[in-house]
Amino acid sequence: MSERTISIDCGTCVMHASEACADCVVSFVVGREPDEALVVDAAEARALRLLAGGGLVPSLRHLPRSG
């Protein structure tokens, strides 16, 4: 089984330093205390995508800059 990874660098996001940052799941994750682990398995990731698709939670807002 191969694992799929996502690498996110807020410095490369077109939404960086905008109002969207405060409501971004990445800001939530990186704003946690060092000893507060956050593990999202495949089923949870799927659930988050479904909830976001239904407008119930904010989706990942990372949009890489082109060029």
C-alpha atoms as a PDB file:
ATOM      1  CA  MET A   1       0.000   0.000   0.000  1.00  0.00           C
ATOM      2  CA  SER A   2       1.450   3.377  -0.948  1.00  0.00           C
ATOM      3  CA  GLU A   3       0.794   6.436   1.162  1.00  0.00           C
ATOM      4  CA  ARG A   4      -0.218   9.687  -0.459  1.00  0.00           C
ATOM      5  CA  THR A   5       1.248  12.788   1.125  1.00  0.00           C
ATOM      6  CA  ILE A   6       0.413  16.441   0.790  1.00  0.00           C
ATOM      7  CA  SER A   7       3.031  19.097   1.388  1.00  0.00           C
ATOM      8  CA  ILE A   8       1.670  22.529   2.239  1.00  0.00           C
ATOM      9  CA  ASP A   9       3.749  25.672   2.556  1.00  0.00           C
ATOM     10  CA  CYS A  10       1.643  28.654   3.587  1.00  0.00           C
ATOM     11  CA  GLY A  11       4.262  30.919   2.012  1.00  0.00           C
ATOM     12  CA  THR A  12       3.309  29.546  -1.399  1.00  0.00           C
ATOM     13  CA  CYS A  13      -0.451  29.951  -0.916  1.00  0.00           C
ATOM     14  CA  VAL A  14      -2.257  32.730  -2.798  1.00  0.00           C
ATOM     15  CA  MET A  15      -4.512  33.157   0.256  1.00  0.00           C
ATOM     16  CA  HIS A  16      -1.532  33.744   2.630  1.00  0.00           C
ATOM     17  CA  ALA A  17      -2.076  36.639   5.060  1.00  0.00           C
ATOM     18  CA  SER A  18      -5.675  37.115   3.907  1.00  0.00           C
ATOM     19  CA  GLU A  19      -8.916  36.779   5.885  1.00  0.00           C
ATOM     20  CA  ALA A  20      -9.103  33.181   4.680  1.00  0.00           C
ATOM     21  CA  CYS A  21      -6.084  32.218   6.829  1.00  0.00           C
ATOM     22  CA  ALA A  22      -8.072  32.509  10.070  1.00  0.00           C
ATOM     23  CA  ASP A  23     -10.629  29.969   8.827  1.00  0.00           C
ATOM     24  CA  CYS A  24      -8.169  27.579   7.170  1.00  0.00           C
ATOM     25  CA  VAL A  25      -7.703  24.061   8.499  1.00  0.00           C
ATOM     26  CA  VAL A  26      -3.944  24.450   8.024  1.00  0.00           C
ATOM     27  CA  SER A  27      -3.915  27.463  10.366  1.00  0.00           C
ATOM     28  CA  PHE A  28      -5.794  25.357  12.893  1.00  0.00           C
ATOM     29  CA  VAL A  29      -3.289  22.525  12.605  1.00  0.00           C
ATOM     30  CA  VAL A  30      -0.123  24.630  12.737  1.00  0.00           C
ATOM     31  CA  GLY A  31      -1.511  26.847  15.499  1.00  0.00           C
ATOM     32  CA  ARG A  32      -1.692  23.921  17.922  1.00  0.00           C
ATOM     33  CA  GLU A  33       0.609  23.542  20.903  1.00  0.00           C
ATOM     34  CA  PRO A  34       3.670  21.348  20.234  1.00  0.00           C
ATOM     35  CA  ASP A  35       2.384  18.538  22.459  1.00  0.00           C
ATOM     36  CA  GLU A  36      -1.086  18.479  20.872  1.00  0.00           C
ATOM     37  CA  ALA A  37      -0.885  15.757  18.243  1.00  0.00           C
ATOM     38  CA  LEU A  38      -3.298  15.747  15.337  1.00  0.00           C
ATOM     39  CA  VAL A  39      -3.568  12.565  13.315  1.00  0.00           C
ATOM     40  CA  VAL A  40      -6.040  12.290  10.458  1.00  0.00           C
ATOM     41  CA  ASP A  41      -6.461   8.854   8.933  1.00  0.00           C
ATOM     42  CA  ALA A  42      -7.867   8.094   5.472  1.00  0.00           C
ATOM     43  CA  ALA A  43     -11.461   7.669   6.703  1.00  0.00           C
ATOM     44  CA  GLU A  44     -11.320  10.980   8.584  1.00  0.00           C
ATOM     45  CA  ALA A  45      -9.850  12.756   5.572  1.00  0.00           C
ATOM     46  CA  ARG A  46     -12.679  11.413   3.428  1.00  0.00           C
ATOM     47  CA  ALA A  47     -15.239  12.565   6.010  1.00  0.00           C
ATOM     48  CA  LEU A  48     -13.696  16.039   6.070  1.00  0.00           C
ATOM     49  CA  ARG A  49     -13.877  16.235   2.260  1.00  0.00           C
ATOM     50  CA  LEU A  50     -17.540  15.187   2.342  1.00  0.00           C
ATOM     51  CA  LEU A  51     -18.398  17.703   5.072  1.00  0.00           C
ATOM     52  CA  ALA A  52     -16.555  20.450   3.210  1.00  0.00           C
ATOM     53  CA  GLY A  53     -18.317  19.492  -0.021  1.00  0.00           C
ATOM     54  CA  GLY A  54     -21.641  19.901   1.769  1.00  0.00           C
ATOM     55  CA  GLY A  55     -20.641  23.297   3.128  1.00  0.00           C
ATOM     56  CA  LEU A  56     -20.626  22.101   6.740  1.00  0.00           C
ATOM     57  CA  VAL A  57     -16.938  22.809   7.453  1.00  0.00           C
ATOM     58  CA  PRO A  58     -14.370  24.962   5.686  1.00  0.00           C
ATOM     59  CA  SER A  59     -12.327  23.150   3.086  1.00  0.00           C
ATOM     60  CA  LEU A  60      -8.582  23.238   2.668  1.00  0.00           C
ATOM     61  CA  ARG A  61      -7.952  26.685   1.251  1.00  0.00           C
ATOM     62  CA  HIS A  62      -4.364  26.200   0.165  1.00  0.00           C
ATOM     63  CA  LEU A  63      -3.981  27.369  -3.425  1.00  0.00           C
ATOM     64  CA  PRO A  64      -0.398  27.179  -4.702  1.00  0.00           C
ATOM     65  CA  ARG A  65       0.898  30.179  -6.571  1.00  0.00           C
ATOM     66  CA  SER A  66       1.656  29.510 -10.199  1.00  0.00           C
ATOM     67  CA  GLY A  67       5.025  30.294 -11.707  1.00  0.00           C
END
